[in-house]
Amino acid sequence: MYFDEHNPPHFHVRYNEYRASMEIQTLNVLSGSIPAKVRGLVEEWAELHRQELLEMWESQDFHKIEPLV
């Protein structure tokens, strides 16, 4: 996430040369692309942290979120 971002609430994904932004509520890719296997892992992670992601979006109190274990 970046300061002064536009709606809808979303986060950015980077994987090697791939870049994408994903909507927090629906987990749809808004722009860019990532491989299907990576997208599955990102969706799993985002589902676990959806509330925290939304709270960060609203408060702009950005911090690192734990990765999948």
C-alpha atoms as a PDB file:
ATOM      1  CA  MET A   1       0.000   0.000   0.000  1.00  0.00           C
ATOM      2  CA  TYR A   2       1.056   3.537  -0.666  1.00  0.00           C
ATOM      3  CA  PHE A   3      -0.009   6.838   0.877  1.00  0.00           C
ATOM      4  CA  ASP A   4      -2.563   8.884  -1.083  1.00  0.00           C
ATOM      5  CA  GLU A   5      -3.885   5.883  -2.990  1.00  0.00           C
ATOM      6  CA  HIS A   6      -7.153   5.881  -4.906  1.00  0.00           C
ATOM      7  CA  ASN A   7     -10.211   3.750  -4.176  1.00  0.00           C
ATOM      8  CA  PRO A   8     -11.127   0.909  -4.144  1.00  0.00           C
ATOM      9  CA  PRO A   9      -9.009  -0.308  -1.228  1.00  0.00           C
ATOM     10  CA  HIS A  10      -6.204  -2.415  -2.688  1.00  0.00           C
ATOM     11  CA  PHE A  11      -2.640  -3.593  -2.187  1.00  0.00           C
ATOM     12  CA  HIS A  12       0.282  -4.087  -4.543  1.00  0.00           C
ATOM     13  CA  VAL A  13       1.946  -7.407  -5.295  1.00  0.00           C
ATOM     14  CA  ARG A  14       5.491  -7.863  -6.613  1.00  0.00           C
ATOM     15  CA  TYR A  15       6.856 -11.221  -7.686  1.00  0.00           C
ATOM     16  CA  ASN A  16      10.057 -11.315  -9.754  1.00  0.00           C
ATOM     17  CA  GLU A  17       9.252  -9.284 -12.873  1.00  0.00           C
ATOM     18  CA  TYR A  18       5.475  -9.417 -12.247  1.00  0.00           C
ATOM     19  CA  ARG A  19       3.468  -6.570 -10.715  1.00  0.00           C
ATOM     20  CA  ALA A  20      -0.220  -6.372  -9.853  1.00  0.00           C
ATOM     21  CA  SER A  21      -2.657  -4.541  -7.617  1.00  0.00           C
ATOM     22  CA  MET A  22      -5.476  -6.477  -5.954  1.00  0.00           C
ATOM     23  CA  GLU A  23      -8.715  -5.227  -4.453  1.00  0.00           C
ATOM     24  CA  ILE A  24      -8.938  -6.133  -0.772  1.00  0.00           C
ATOM     25  CA  GLN A  25     -12.650  -7.004  -0.651  1.00  0.00           C
ATOM     26  CA  THR A  26     -12.896  -9.174  -3.774  1.00  0.00           C
ATOM     27  CA  LEU A  27      -9.240 -10.098  -4.343  1.00  0.00           C
ATOM     28  CA  ASN A  28      -9.734  -9.278  -8.024  1.00  0.00           C
ATOM     29  CA  VAL A  29      -6.668  -8.114  -9.911  1.00  0.00           C
ATOM     30  CA  LEU A  30      -7.199  -4.431 -10.717  1.00  0.00           C
ATOM     31  CA  SER A  31      -4.094  -4.014 -12.864  1.00  0.00           C
ATOM     32  CA  GLY A  32      -1.058  -5.990 -13.892  1.00  0.00           C
ATOM     33  CA  SER A  33      -0.682  -9.742 -13.665  1.00  0.00           C
ATOM     34  CA  ILE A  34       0.910 -12.468 -11.566  1.00  0.00           C
ATOM     35  CA  PRO A  35       1.228 -16.221 -12.228  1.00  0.00           C
ATOM     36  CA  ALA A  36      -1.750 -18.334 -11.164  1.00  0.00           C
ATOM     37  CA  LYS A  37       0.220 -20.237  -8.498  1.00  0.00           C
ATOM     38  CA  VAL A  38       1.429 -16.980  -6.953  1.00  0.00           C
ATOM     39  CA  ARG A  39      -2.063 -15.494  -7.122  1.00  0.00           C
ATOM     40  CA  GLY A  40      -3.383 -18.464  -5.137  1.00  0.00           C
ATOM     41  CA  LEU A  41      -0.805 -17.874  -2.404  1.00  0.00           C
ATOM     42  CA  VAL A  42      -1.526 -14.133  -2.335  1.00  0.00           C
ATOM     43  CA  GLU A  43      -5.270 -14.796  -2.095  1.00  0.00           C
ATOM     44  CA  GLU A  44      -4.715 -17.225   0.798  1.00  0.00           C
ATOM     45  CA  TRP A  45      -2.556 -14.637   2.605  1.00  0.00           C
ATOM     46  CA  ALA A  46      -5.003 -11.783   1.929  1.00  0.00           C
ATOM     47  CA  GLU A  47      -7.986 -13.802   3.173  1.00  0.00           C
ATOM     48  CA  LEU A  48      -6.157 -14.398   6.454  1.00  0.00           C
ATOM     49  CA  HIS A  49      -5.301 -10.693   6.807  1.00  0.00           C
ATOM     50  CA  ARG A  50      -8.286  -9.018   5.101  1.00  0.00           C
ATOM     51  CA  GLN A  51      -9.457  -7.138   8.200  1.00  0.00           C
ATOM     52  CA  GLU A  52      -5.946  -5.934   8.969  1.00  0.00           C
ATOM     53  CA  LEU A  53      -5.502  -4.793   5.356  1.00  0.00           C
ATOM     54  CA  LEU A  54      -8.777  -2.843   5.475  1.00  0.00           C
ATOM     55  CA  GLU A  55      -7.833  -1.240   8.787  1.00  0.00           C
ATOM     56  CA  MET A  56      -4.471  -0.213   7.350  1.00  0.00           C
ATOM     57  CA  TRP A  57      -6.198   1.283   4.311  1.00  0.00           C
ATOM     58  CA  GLU A  58      -8.569   3.318   6.474  1.00  0.00           C
ATOM     59  CA  SER A  59      -6.030   4.468   9.066  1.00  0.00           C
ATOM     60  CA  GLN A  60      -3.001   4.775   6.748  1.00  0.00           C
ATOM     61  CA  ASP A  61      -1.035   3.227   9.604  1.00  0.00           C
ATOM     62  CA  PHE A  62       1.005   1.039   7.271  1.00  0.00           C
ATOM     63  CA  HIS A  63       3.111  -1.782   8.664  1.00  0.00           C
ATOM     64  CA  LYS A  64       4.497  -5.116   7.573  1.00  0.00           C
ATOM     65  CA  ILE A  65       2.116  -8.088   7.752  1.00  0.00           C
ATOM     66  CA  GLU A  66       3.419 -11.563   8.481  1.00  0.00           C
ATOM     67  CA  PRO A  67       3.872 -13.827   5.459  1.00  0.00           C
ATOM     68  CA  LEU A  68       2.288 -17.258   5.018  1.00  0.00           C
ATOM     69  CA  VAL A  69       4.021 -19.865   7.127  1.00  0.00           C
END
